[in-house]
Amino acid sequence: NGSEPHKGDTLHQETYQLLENLDSINFIGNIEADQLLKGVADV
């Protein structure tokens, strides 16, 4: 529900930290729902 790393509930904050520390993927951060159809992310 926001692009900043600290946004969201505990689940999303914990997930953000795990994804940010995973070297095997190209994690670009949070995405808000209004950005989904704009092609800014592949997964």
PDB file of all heavy atoms in Angstrom:
ATOM      1  N   ASN A   1       0.817  -1.216   0.000  1.00  0.00           N
ATOM      2  CA  ASN A   1       0.000   0.000   0.000  1.00  0.00           C
ATOM      3  C   ASN A   1       0.847   1.261   0.000  1.00  0.00           C
ATOM      4  O   ASN A   1       0.395   2.335   0.382  1.00  0.00           O
ATOM      5  CB  ASN A   1      -0.943   0.007   1.207  1.00  0.00           C
ATOM      6  CG  ASN A   1      -0.203   0.080   2.525  1.00  0.00           C
ATOM      7  OD1 ASN A   1       0.999  -0.154   2.579  1.00  0.00           O
ATOM      8  ND2 ASN A   1      -0.919   0.396   3.600  1.00  0.00           N
ATOM      9  N   GLY A   2       2.078   1.147  -0.446  1.00  0.00           N
ATOM     10  CA  GLY A   2       2.979   2.281  -0.566  1.00  0.00           C
ATOM     11  C   GLY A   2       4.299   1.808  -1.132  1.00  0.00           C
ATOM     12  O   GLY A   2       4.631   0.616  -1.048  1.00  0.00           O
ATOM     13  N   SER A   3       5.058   2.698  -1.712  1.00  0.00           N
ATOM     14  CA  SER A   3       6.318   2.305  -2.345  1.00  0.00           C
ATOM     15  C   SER A   3       7.500   2.283  -1.375  1.00  0.00           C
ATOM     16  O   SER A   3       8.513   1.642  -1.641  1.00  0.00           O
ATOM     17  CB  SER A   3       6.632   3.248  -3.511  1.00  0.00           C
ATOM     18  OG  SER A   3       6.728   4.594  -3.042  1.00  0.00           O
ATOM     19  N   GLU A   4       7.358   2.970  -0.230  1.00  0.00           N
ATOM     20  CA  GLU A   4       8.464   3.041   0.722  1.00  0.00           C
ATOM     21  C   GLU A   4       8.686   1.696   1.430  1.00  0.00           C
ATOM     22  O   GLU A   4       7.744   0.948   1.672  1.00  0.00           O
ATOM     23  CB  GLU A   4       8.195   4.126   1.765  1.00  0.00           C
ATOM     24  CG  GLU A   4       8.047   5.529   1.179  1.00  0.00           C
ATOM     25  CD  GLU A   4       6.633   5.830   0.719  1.00  0.00           C
ATOM     26  OE1 GLU A   4       5.778   4.914   0.784  1.00  0.00           O
ATOM     27  OE2 GLU A   4       6.386   6.967   0.281  1.00  0.00           O
ATOM     28  N   PRO A   5       9.929   1.379   1.777  1.00  0.00           N
ATOM     29  CA  PRO A   5      10.257   0.097   2.414  1.00  0.00           C
ATOM     30  C   PRO A   5       9.497  -0.168   3.722  1.00  0.00           C
ATOM     31  O   PRO A   5       9.219  -1.317   4.054  1.00  0.00           O
ATOM     32  CB  PRO A   5      11.758   0.210   2.678  1.00  0.00           C
ATOM     33  CG  PRO A   5      12.252   1.194   1.672  1.00  0.00           C
ATOM     34  CD  PRO A   5      11.140   2.177   1.496  1.00  0.00           C
ATOM     35  N   HIS A   6       9.166   0.897   4.465  1.00  0.00           N
ATOM     36  CA  HIS A   6       8.527   0.712   5.768  1.00  0.00           C
ATOM     37  C   HIS A   6       7.006   0.579   5.675  1.00  0.00           C
ATOM     38  O   HIS A   6       6.328   0.420   6.687  1.00  0.00           O
ATOM     39  CB  HIS A   6       8.866   1.891   6.684  1.00  0.00           C
ATOM     40  CG  HIS A   6       8.327   3.206   6.193  1.00  0.00           C
ATOM     41  ND1 HIS A   6       9.010   3.993   5.285  1.00  0.00           N
ATOM     42  CD2 HIS A   6       7.159   3.863   6.457  1.00  0.00           C
ATOM     43  CE1 HIS A   6       8.294   5.073   5.025  1.00  0.00           C
ATOM     44  NE2 HIS A   6       7.167   5.034   5.724  1.00  0.00           N
ATOM     45  N   LYS A   7       6.442   0.639   4.459  1.00  0.00           N
ATOM     46  CA  LYS A   7       4.992   0.608   4.305  1.00  0.00           C
ATOM     47  C   LYS A   7       4.429  -0.791   4.564  1.00  0.00           C
ATOM     48  O   LYS A   7       5.118  -1.800   4.486  1.00  0.00           O
ATOM     49  CB  LYS A   7       4.606   1.043   2.890  1.00  0.00           C
ATOM     50  CG  LYS A   7       4.713   2.530   2.639  1.00  0.00           C
ATOM     51  CD  LYS A   7       3.591   3.279   3.360  1.00  0.00           C
ATOM     52  CE  LYS A   7       3.591   4.749   2.989  1.00  0.00           C
ATOM     53  NZ  LYS A   7       2.452   5.457   3.579  1.00  0.00           N
ATOM     54  N   GLY A   8       3.130  -0.831   4.868  1.00  0.00           N
ATOM     55  CA  GLY A   8       2.440  -2.113   5.014  1.00  0.00           C
ATOM     56  C   GLY A   8       2.440  -2.650   6.424  1.00  0.00           C
ATOM     57  O   GLY A   8       3.028  -2.077   7.340  1.00  0.00           O
ATOM     58  N   ASP A   9       1.784  -3.809   6.567  1.00  0.00           N
ATOM     59  CA  ASP A   9       1.724  -4.461   7.877  1.00  0.00           C
ATOM     60  C   ASP A   9       2.999  -5.259   8.127  1.00  0.00           C
ATOM     61  O   ASP A   9       3.950  -5.220   7.338  1.00  0.00           O
ATOM     62  CB  ASP A   9       0.484  -5.355   7.957  1.00  0.00           C
ATOM     63  CG  ASP A   9       0.435  -6.381   6.831  1.00  0.00           C
ATOM     64  OD1 ASP A   9       1.463  -6.589   6.151  1.00  0.00           O
ATOM     65  OD2 ASP A   9      -0.631  -6.980   6.625  1.00  0.00           O
ATOM     66  N   THR A  10       2.998  -6.004   9.229  1.00  0.00           N
ATOM     67  CA  THR A  10       4.194  -6.767   9.603  1.00  0.00           C
ATOM     68  C   THR A  10       4.594  -7.755   8.519  1.00  0.00           C
ATOM     69  O   THR A  10       5.783  -7.912   8.210  1.00  0.00           O
ATOM     70  CB  THR A  10       3.932  -7.521  10.924  1.00  0.00           C
ATOM     71  OG1 THR A  10       3.601  -6.589  11.945  1.00  0.00           O
ATOM     72  CG2 THR A  10       5.173  -8.314  11.345  1.00  0.00           C
ATOM     73  N   LEU A  11       3.606  -8.434   7.924  1.00  0.00           N
ATOM     74  CA  LEU A  11       3.891  -9.403   6.866  1.00  0.00           C
ATOM     75  C   LEU A  11       4.664  -8.753   5.721  1.00  0.00           C
ATOM     76  O   LEU A  11       5.682  -9.286   5.262  1.00  0.00           O
ATOM     77  CB  LEU A  11       2.587 -10.006   6.339  1.00  0.00           C
ATOM     78  CG  LEU A  11       2.704 -10.836   5.054  1.00  0.00           C
ATOM     79  CD1 LEU A  11       3.548 -12.075   5.298  1.00  0.00           C
ATOM     80  CD2 LEU A  11       1.325 -11.211   4.521  1.00  0.00           C
ATOM     81  N   HIS A  12       4.186  -7.623   5.255  1.00  0.00           N
ATOM     82  CA  HIS A  12       4.823  -6.984   4.106  1.00  0.00           C
ATOM     83  C   HIS A  12       6.187  -6.385   4.463  1.00  0.00           C
ATOM     84  O   HIS A  12       7.113  -6.409   3.643  1.00  0.00           O
ATOM     85  CB  HIS A  12       3.898  -5.915   3.529  1.00  0.00           C
ATOM     86  CG  HIS A  12       2.713  -6.479   2.819  1.00  0.00           C
ATOM     87  ND1 HIS A  12       1.595  -6.926   3.486  1.00  0.00           N
ATOM     88  CD2 HIS A  12       2.488  -6.711   1.506  1.00  0.00           C
ATOM     89  CE1 HIS A  12       0.716  -7.395   2.609  1.00  0.00           C
ATOM     90  NE2 HIS A  12       1.233  -7.271   1.404  1.00  0.00           N
ATOM     91  N   GLN A  13       6.331  -5.878   5.659  1.00  0.00           N
ATOM     92  CA  GLN A  13       7.635  -5.351   6.074  1.00  0.00           C
ATOM     93  C   GLN A  13       8.661  -6.470   6.192  1.00  0.00           C
ATOM     94  O   GLN A  13       9.817  -6.316   5.758  1.00  0.00           O
ATOM     95  CB  GLN A  13       7.491  -4.601   7.402  1.00  0.00           C
ATOM     96  CG  GLN A  13       6.692  -3.306   7.280  1.00  0.00           C
ATOM     97  CD  GLN A  13       6.492  -2.612   8.617  1.00  0.00           C
ATOM     98  OE1 GLN A  13       7.207  -2.882   9.576  1.00  0.00           O
ATOM     99  NE2 GLN A  13       5.534  -1.713   8.690  1.00  0.00           N
ATOM    100  N   GLU A  14       8.257  -7.602   6.760  1.00  0.00           N
ATOM    101  CA  GLU A  14       9.168  -8.749   6.880  1.00  0.00           C
ATOM    102  C   GLU A  14       9.522  -9.299   5.499  1.00  0.00           C
ATOM    103  O   GLU A  14      10.684  -9.648   5.234  1.00  0.00           O
ATOM    104  CB  GLU A  14       8.531  -9.847   7.730  1.00  0.00           C
ATOM    105  CG  GLU A  14       8.420  -9.497   9.207  1.00  0.00           C
ATOM    106  CD  GLU A  14       7.761 -10.606  10.008  1.00  0.00           C
ATOM    107  OE1 GLU A  14       7.355 -11.636   9.393  1.00  0.00           O
ATOM    108  OE2 GLU A  14       7.658 -10.467  11.231  1.00  0.00           O
ATOM    109  N   THR A  15       8.512  -9.388   4.630  1.00  0.00           N
ATOM    110  CA  THR A  15       8.756  -9.901   3.279  1.00  0.00           C
ATOM    111  C   THR A  15       9.713  -8.991   2.525  1.00  0.00           C
ATOM    112  O   THR A  15      10.608  -9.459   1.811  1.00  0.00           O
ATOM    113  CB  THR A  15       7.428 -10.020   2.497  1.00  0.00           C
ATOM    114  OG1 THR A  15       6.532 -10.875   3.217  1.00  0.00           O
ATOM    115  CG2 THR A  15       7.672 -10.601   1.117  1.00  0.00           C
ATOM    116  N   TYR A  16       9.527  -7.683   2.677  1.00  0.00           N
ATOM    117  CA  TYR A  16      10.412  -6.721   2.012  1.00  0.00           C
ATOM    118  C   TYR A  16      11.868  -6.975   2.401  1.00  0.00           C
ATOM    119  O   TYR A  16      12.754  -6.996   1.539  1.00  0.00           O
ATOM    120  CB  TYR A  16      10.005  -5.294   2.375  1.00  0.00           C
ATOM    121  CG  TYR A  16      10.745  -4.232   1.593  1.00  0.00           C
ATOM    122  CD1 TYR A  16      10.145  -3.597   0.506  1.00  0.00           C
ATOM    123  CD2 TYR A  16      12.052  -3.859   1.927  1.00  0.00           C
ATOM    124  CE1 TYR A  16      10.817  -2.633  -0.230  1.00  0.00           C
ATOM    125  CE2 TYR A  16      12.738  -2.904   1.204  1.00  0.00           C
ATOM    126  CZ  TYR A  16      12.114  -2.301   0.125  1.00  0.00           C
ATOM    127  OH  TYR A  16      12.797  -1.353  -0.602  1.00  0.00           O
ATOM    128  N   GLN A  17      12.111  -7.149   3.680  1.00  0.00           N
ATOM    129  CA  GLN A  17      13.484  -7.371   4.140  1.00  0.00           C
ATOM    130  C   GLN A  17      14.073  -8.663   3.575  1.00  0.00           C
ATOM    131  O   GLN A  17      15.244  -8.699   3.166  1.00  0.00           O
ATOM    132  CB  GLN A  17      13.516  -7.412   5.680  1.00  0.00           C
ATOM    133  CG  GLN A  17      13.180  -6.087   6.350  1.00  0.00           C
ATOM    134  CD  GLN A  17      14.102  -4.959   5.918  1.00  0.00           C
ATOM    135  OE1 GLN A  17      15.319  -5.145   5.835  1.00  0.00           O
ATOM    136  NE2 GLN A  17      13.537  -3.791   5.649  1.00  0.00           N
ATOM    137  N   LEU A  18      13.268  -9.715   3.532  1.00  0.00           N
ATOM    138  CA  LEU A  18      13.748 -10.989   2.985  1.00  0.00           C
ATOM    139  C   LEU A  18      14.081 -10.858   1.499  1.00  0.00           C
ATOM    140  O   LEU A  18      15.111 -11.349   1.031  1.00  0.00           O
ATOM    141  CB  LEU A  18      12.697 -12.086   3.178  1.00  0.00           C
ATOM    142  CG  LEU A  18      12.457 -12.579   4.603  1.00  0.00           C
ATOM    143  CD1 LEU A  18      11.339 -13.622   4.619  1.00  0.00           C
ATOM    144  CD2 LEU A  18      13.733 -13.196   5.193  1.00  0.00           C
ATOM    145  N   LEU A  19      13.206 -10.196   0.763  1.00  0.00           N
ATOM    146  CA  LEU A  19      13.425 -10.054  -0.676  1.00  0.00           C
ATOM    147  C   LEU A  19      14.622  -9.155  -0.967  1.00  0.00           C
ATOM    148  O   LEU A  19      15.389  -9.407  -1.901  1.00  0.00           O
ATOM    149  CB  LEU A  19      12.162  -9.487  -1.344  1.00  0.00           C
ATOM    150  CG  LEU A  19      10.935 -10.396  -1.339  1.00  0.00           C
ATOM    151  CD1 LEU A  19       9.720  -9.656  -1.902  1.00  0.00           C
ATOM    152  CD2 LEU A  19      11.193 -11.665  -2.146  1.00  0.00           C
ATOM    153  N   GLU A  20      14.778  -8.125  -0.181  1.00  0.00           N
ATOM    154  CA  GLU A  20      15.896  -7.197  -0.383  1.00  0.00           C
ATOM    155  C   GLU A  20      17.238  -7.892  -0.164  1.00  0.00           C
ATOM    156  O   GLU A  20      18.247  -7.528  -0.790  1.00  0.00           O
ATOM    157  CB  GLU A  20      15.754  -6.003   0.565  1.00  0.00           C
ATOM    158  CG  GLU A  20      16.726  -4.866   0.260  1.00  0.00           C
ATOM    159  CD  GLU A  20      16.477  -3.656   1.137  1.00  0.00           C
ATOM    160  OE1 GLU A  20      16.249  -3.836   2.349  1.00  0.00           O
ATOM    161  OE2 GLU A  20      16.502  -2.536   0.602  1.00  0.00           O
ATOM    162  N   ASN A  21      17.251  -8.890   0.699  1.00  0.00           N
ATOM    163  CA  ASN A  21      18.499  -9.590   1.018  1.00  0.00           C
ATOM    164  C   ASN A  21      18.727 -10.837   0.167  1.00  0.00           C
ATOM    165  O   ASN A  21      19.704 -11.559   0.382  1.00  0.00           O
ATOM    166  CB  ASN A  21      18.513  -9.982   2.504  1.00  0.00           C
ATOM    167  CG  ASN A  21      18.585  -8.773   3.417  1.00  0.00           C
ATOM    168  OD1 ASN A  21      19.259  -7.786   3.100  1.00  0.00           O
ATOM    169  ND2 ASN A  21      17.897  -8.824   4.548  1.00  0.00           N
ATOM    170  N   LEU A  22      17.833 -11.094  -0.785  1.00  0.00           N
ATOM    171  CA  LEU A  22      17.967 -12.276  -1.638  1.00  0.00           C
ATOM    172  C   LEU A  22      18.710 -11.891  -2.918  1.00  0.00           C
ATOM    173  O   LEU A  22      18.174 -11.193  -3.777  1.00  0.00           O
ATOM    174  CB  LEU A  22      16.578 -12.849  -1.971  1.00  0.00           C
ATOM    175  CG  LEU A  22      16.548 -14.176  -2.713  1.00  0.00           C
ATOM    176  CD1 LEU A  22      17.179 -15.284  -1.881  1.00  0.00           C
ATOM    177  CD2 LEU A  22      15.113 -14.544  -3.073  1.00  0.00           C
ATOM    178  N   ASP A  23      19.933 -12.363  -3.043  1.00  0.00           N
ATOM    179  CA  ASP A  23      20.783 -11.947  -4.158  1.00  0.00           C
ATOM    180  C   ASP A  23      20.390 -12.577  -5.492  1.00  0.00           C
ATOM    181  O   ASP A  23      20.767 -12.067  -6.553  1.00  0.00           O
ATOM    182  CB  ASP A  23      22.251 -12.299  -3.863  1.00  0.00           C
ATOM    183  CG  ASP A  23      22.812 -11.514  -2.680  1.00  0.00           C
ATOM    184  OD1 ASP A  23      22.326 -10.384  -2.448  1.00  0.00           O
ATOM    185  OD2 ASP A  23      23.717 -12.029  -1.997  1.00  0.00           O
ATOM    186  N   SER A  24      19.656 -13.686  -5.452  1.00  0.00           N
ATOM    187  CA  SER A  24      19.385 -14.428  -6.681  1.00  0.00           C
ATOM    188  C   SER A  24      18.281 -13.820  -7.535  1.00  0.00           C
ATOM    189  O   SER A  24      18.041 -14.267  -8.658  1.00  0.00           O
ATOM    190  CB  SER A  24      19.012 -15.885  -6.349  1.00  0.00           C
ATOM    191  OG  SER A  24      17.834 -15.940  -5.558  1.00  0.00           O
ATOM    192  N   ILE A  25      17.574 -12.799  -7.035  1.00  0.00           N
ATOM    193  CA  ILE A  25      16.510 -12.156  -7.813  1.00  0.00           C
ATOM    194  C   ILE A  25      16.757 -10.652  -7.919  1.00  0.00           C
ATOM    195  O   ILE A  25      17.505 -10.076  -7.116  1.00  0.00           O
ATOM    196  CB  ILE A  25      15.111 -12.408  -7.203  1.00  0.00           C
ATOM    197  CG1 ILE A  25      14.990 -11.730  -5.832  1.00  0.00           C
ATOM    198  CG2 ILE A  25      14.803 -13.893  -7.100  1.00  0.00           C
ATOM    199  CD1 ILE A  25      13.574 -11.713  -5.280  1.00  0.00           C
ATOM    200  N   ASN A  26      16.107 -10.041  -8.883  1.00  0.00           N
ATOM    201  CA  ASN A  26      16.205  -8.598  -9.101  1.00  0.00           C
ATOM    202  C   ASN A  26      14.999  -7.931  -8.448  1.00  0.00           C
ATOM    203  O   ASN A  26      14.007  -7.615  -9.099  1.00  0.00           O
ATOM    204  CB  ASN A  26      16.248  -8.312 -10.605  1.00  0.00           C
ATOM    205  CG  ASN A  26      16.220  -6.827 -10.920  1.00  0.00           C
ATOM    206  OD1 ASN A  26      16.602  -5.992 -10.100  1.00  0.00           O
ATOM    207  ND2 ASN A  26      15.753  -6.495 -12.118  1.00  0.00           N
ATOM    208  N   PHE A  27      15.094  -7.727  -7.136  1.00  0.00           N
ATOM    209  CA  PHE A  27      13.997  -7.129  -6.381  1.00  0.00           C
ATOM    210  C   PHE A  27      14.025  -5.617  -6.535  1.00  0.00           C
ATOM    211  O   PHE A  27      15.016  -4.962  -6.215  1.00  0.00           O
ATOM    212  CB  PHE A  27      14.103  -7.509  -4.906  1.00  0.00           C
ATOM    213  CG  PHE A  27      13.011  -6.931  -4.040  1.00  0.00           C
ATOM    214  CD1 PHE A  27      11.678  -7.142  -4.339  1.00  0.00           C
ATOM    215  CD2 PHE A  27      13.332  -6.173  -2.914  1.00  0.00           C
ATOM    216  CE1 PHE A  27      10.667  -6.605  -3.553  1.00  0.00           C
ATOM    217  CE2 PHE A  27      12.334  -5.648  -2.104  1.00  0.00           C
ATOM    218  CZ  PHE A  27      11.000  -5.859  -2.428  1.00  0.00           C
ATOM    219  N   ILE A  28      12.906  -5.045  -7.037  1.00  0.00           N
ATOM    220  CA  ILE A  28      12.858  -3.599  -7.295  1.00  0.00           C
ATOM    221  C   ILE A  28      12.056  -2.842  -6.237  1.00  0.00           C
ATOM    222  O   ILE A  28      11.852  -1.638  -6.356  1.00  0.00           O
ATOM    223  CB  ILE A  28      12.288  -3.305  -8.694  1.00  0.00           C
ATOM    224  CG1 ILE A  28      10.841  -3.810  -8.810  1.00  0.00           C
ATOM    225  CG2 ILE A  28      13.171  -3.932  -9.778  1.00  0.00           C
ATOM    226  CD1 ILE A  28      10.132  -3.367 -10.086  1.00  0.00           C
ATOM    227  N   GLY A  29      11.583  -3.558  -5.196  1.00  0.00           N
ATOM    228  CA  GLY A  29      10.877  -2.891  -4.110  1.00  0.00           C
ATOM    229  C   GLY A  29       9.374  -3.064  -4.170  1.00  0.00           C
ATOM    230  O   GLY A  29       8.853  -3.952  -4.845  1.00  0.00           O
ATOM    231  N   ASN A  30       8.672  -2.204  -3.439  1.00  0.00           N
ATOM    232  CA  ASN A  30       7.205  -2.260  -3.389  1.00  0.00           C
ATOM    233  C   ASN A  30       6.582  -1.693  -4.662  1.00  0.00           C
ATOM    234  O   ASN A  30       7.162  -0.822  -5.323  1.00  0.00           O
ATOM    235  CB  ASN A  30       6.684  -1.455  -2.194  1.00  0.00           C
ATOM    236  CG  ASN A  30       6.963  -2.136  -0.870  1.00  0.00           C
ATOM    237  OD1 ASN A  30       6.962  -3.356  -0.773  1.00  0.00           O
ATOM    238  ND2 ASN A  30       7.211  -1.335   0.166  1.00  0.00           N
ATOM    239  N   ILE A  31       5.397  -2.174  -4.968  1.00  0.00           N
ATOM    240  CA  ILE A  31       4.612  -1.634  -6.070  1.00  0.00           C
ATOM    241  C   ILE A  31       3.185  -1.449  -5.573  1.00  0.00           C
ATOM    242  O   ILE A  31       2.663  -2.296  -4.840  1.00  0.00           O
ATOM    243  CB  ILE A  31       4.653  -2.572  -7.301  1.00  0.00           C
ATOM    244  CG1 ILE A  31       3.876  -1.964  -8.476  1.00  0.00           C
ATOM    245  CG2 ILE A  31       4.120  -3.944  -6.972  1.00  0.00           C
ATOM    246  CD1 ILE A  31       3.978  -2.784  -9.751  1.00  0.00           C
ATOM    247  N   GLU A  32       2.573  -0.325  -5.921  1.00  0.00           N
ATOM    248  CA  GLU A  32       1.182  -0.091  -5.553  1.00  0.00           C
ATOM    249  C   GLU A  32       0.261  -0.590  -6.655  1.00  0.00           C
ATOM    250  O   GLU A  32       0.665  -0.744  -7.814  1.00  0.00           O
ATOM    251  CB  GLU A  32       0.963   1.390  -5.294  1.00  0.00           C
ATOM    252  CG  GLU A  32       1.723   1.902  -4.071  1.00  0.00           C
ATOM    253  CD  GLU A  32       1.373   3.340  -3.733  1.00  0.00           C
ATOM    254  OE1 GLU A  32       0.291   3.554  -3.139  1.00  0.00           O
ATOM    255  OE2 GLU A  32       2.169   4.234  -4.064  1.00  0.00           O
ATOM    256  N   ALA A  33      -0.984  -0.838  -6.305  1.00  0.00           N
ATOM    257  CA  ALA A  33      -1.931  -1.453  -7.233  1.00  0.00           C
ATOM    258  C   ALA A  33      -2.136  -0.642  -8.505  1.00  0.00           C
ATOM    259  O   ALA A  33      -2.362  -1.211  -9.580  1.00  0.00           O
ATOM    260  CB  ALA A  33      -3.271  -1.689  -6.538  1.00  0.00           C
ATOM    261  N   ASP A  34      -2.034   0.683  -8.399  1.00  0.00           N
ATOM    262  CA  ASP A  34      -2.267   1.506  -9.587  1.00  0.00           C
ATOM    263  C   ASP A  34      -1.119   1.433 -10.595  1.00  0.00           C
ATOM    264  O   ASP A  34      -1.204   1.983 -11.697  1.00  0.00           O
ATOM    265  CB  ASP A  34      -2.537   2.967  -9.201  1.00  0.00           C
ATOM    266  CG  ASP A  34      -1.361   3.632  -8.513  1.00  0.00           C
ATOM    267  OD1 ASP A  34      -0.428   2.916  -8.093  1.00  0.00           O
ATOM    268  OD2 ASP A  34      -1.357   4.865  -8.385  1.00  0.00           O
ATOM    269  N   GLN A  35      -0.045   0.751 -10.229  1.00  0.00           N
ATOM    270  CA  GLN A  35       1.105   0.590 -11.122  1.00  0.00           C
ATOM    271  C   GLN A  35       1.118  -0.766 -11.834  1.00  0.00           C
ATOM    272  O   GLN A  35       1.930  -0.980 -12.745  1.00  0.00           O
ATOM    273  CB  GLN A  35       2.411   0.739 -10.331  1.00  0.00           C
ATOM    274  CG  GLN A  35       2.592   2.089  -9.661  1.00  0.00           C
ATOM    275  CD  GLN A  35       2.758   3.205 -10.659  1.00  0.00           C
ATOM    276  OE1 GLN A  35       3.616   3.139 -11.539  1.00  0.00           O
ATOM    277  NE2 GLN A  35       1.948   4.247 -10.538  1.00  0.00           N
ATOM    278  N   LEU A  36       0.234  -1.660 -11.437  1.00  0.00           N
ATOM    279  CA  LEU A  36       0.297  -3.034 -11.933  1.00  0.00           C
ATOM    280  C   LEU A  36       0.238  -3.131 -13.452  1.00  0.00           C
ATOM    281  O   LEU A  36       1.009  -3.887 -14.063  1.00  0.00           O
ATOM    282  CB  LEU A  36      -0.845  -3.855 -11.316  1.00  0.00           C
ATOM    283  CG  LEU A  36      -0.712  -4.222  -9.838  1.00  0.00           C
ATOM    284  CD1 LEU A  36      -1.976  -4.913  -9.342  1.00  0.00           C
ATOM    285  CD2 LEU A  36       0.497  -5.126  -9.630  1.00  0.00           C
ATOM    286  N   LEU A  37      -0.668  -2.399 -14.079  1.00  0.00           N
ATOM    287  CA  LEU A  37      -0.873  -2.532 -15.521  1.00  0.00           C
ATOM    288  C   LEU A  37       0.085  -1.675 -16.346  1.00  0.00           C
ATOM    289  O   LEU A  37       0.025  -1.705 -17.572  1.00  0.00           O
ATOM    290  CB  LEU A  37      -2.318  -2.167 -15.877  1.00  0.00           C
ATOM    291  CG  LEU A  37      -3.425  -2.963 -15.175  1.00  0.00           C
ATOM    292  CD1 LEU A  37      -4.784  -2.602 -15.762  1.00  0.00           C
ATOM    293  CD2 LEU A  37      -3.183  -4.461 -15.293  1.00  0.00           C
ATOM    294  N   LYS A  38       0.974  -0.953 -15.683  1.00  0.00           N
ATOM    295  CA  LYS A  38       1.884  -0.055 -16.393  1.00  0.00           C
ATOM    296  C   LYS A  38       3.175  -0.731 -16.839  1.00  0.00           C
ATOM    297  O   LYS A  38       4.029  -0.104 -17.476  1.00  0.00           O
ATOM    298  CB  LYS A  38       2.203   1.163 -15.522  1.00  0.00           C
ATOM    299  CG  LYS A  38       0.983   2.045 -15.252  1.00  0.00           C
ATOM    300  CD  LYS A  38       1.334   3.261 -14.421  1.00  0.00           C
ATOM    301  CE  LYS A  38       0.101   4.129 -14.181  1.00  0.00           C
ATOM    302  NZ  LYS A  38       0.406   5.315 -13.363  1.00  0.00           N
ATOM    303  N   GLY A  39       3.341  -2.008 -16.459  1.00  0.00           N
ATOM    304  CA  GLY A  39       4.506  -2.750 -16.920  1.00  0.00           C
ATOM    305  C   GLY A  39       5.792  -2.446 -16.186  1.00  0.00           C
ATOM    306  O   GLY A  39       6.880  -2.626 -16.729  1.00  0.00           O
ATOM    307  N   VAL A  40       5.691  -1.994 -14.934  1.00  0.00           N
ATOM    308  CA  VAL A  40       6.902  -1.634 -14.188  1.00  0.00           C
ATOM    309  C   VAL A  40       7.551  -2.845 -13.512  1.00  0.00           C
ATOM    310  O   VAL A  40       8.683  -2.747 -13.034  1.00  0.00           O
ATOM    311  CB  VAL A  40       6.594  -0.554 -13.124  1.00  0.00           C
ATOM    312  CG1 VAL A  40       6.078   0.708 -13.791  1.00  0.00           C
ATOM    313  CG2 VAL A  40       5.594  -1.060 -12.101  1.00  0.00           C
ATOM    314  N   ALA A  41       6.847  -3.978 -13.466  1.00  0.00           N
ATOM    315  CA  ALA A  41       7.400  -5.198 -12.864  1.00  0.00           C
ATOM    316  C   ALA A  41       7.014  -6.403 -13.711  1.00  0.00           C
ATOM    317  O   ALA A  41       5.997  -6.396 -14.407  1.00  0.00           O
ATOM    318  CB  ALA A  41       6.888  -5.367 -11.435  1.00  0.00           C
ATOM    319  N   ASP A  42       7.841  -7.429 -13.658  1.00  0.00           N
ATOM    320  CA  ASP A  42       7.585  -8.666 -14.402  1.00  0.00           C
ATOM    321  C   ASP A  42       6.987  -9.749 -13.516  1.00  0.00           C
ATOM    322  O   ASP A  42       6.230 -10.603 -13.988  1.00  0.00           O
ATOM    323  CB  ASP A  42       8.889  -9.195 -15.011  1.00  0.00           C
ATOM    324  CG  ASP A  42       9.568  -8.160 -15.887  1.00  0.00           C
ATOM    325  OD1 ASP A  42       8.918  -7.691 -16.831  1.00  0.00           O
ATOM    326  OD2 ASP A  42      10.729  -7.812 -15.615  1.00  0.00           O
ATOM    327  N   VAL A  43       7.346  -9.726 -12.239  1.00  0.00           N
ATOM    328  CA  VAL A  43       6.832 -10.680 -11.249  1.00  0.00           C
ATOM    329  C   VAL A  43       6.335  -9.876 -10.059  1.00  0.00           C
ATOM    330  O   VAL A  43       7.092  -9.084  -9.486  1.00  0.00           O
ATOM    331  CB  VAL A  43       7.923 -11.673 -10.780  1.00  0.00           C
ATOM    332  CG1 VAL A  43       7.350 -12.649  -9.746  1.00  0.00           C
ATOM    333  CG2 VAL A  43       8.528 -12.420 -11.963  1.00  0.00           C
TER     334      VAL A  43
END
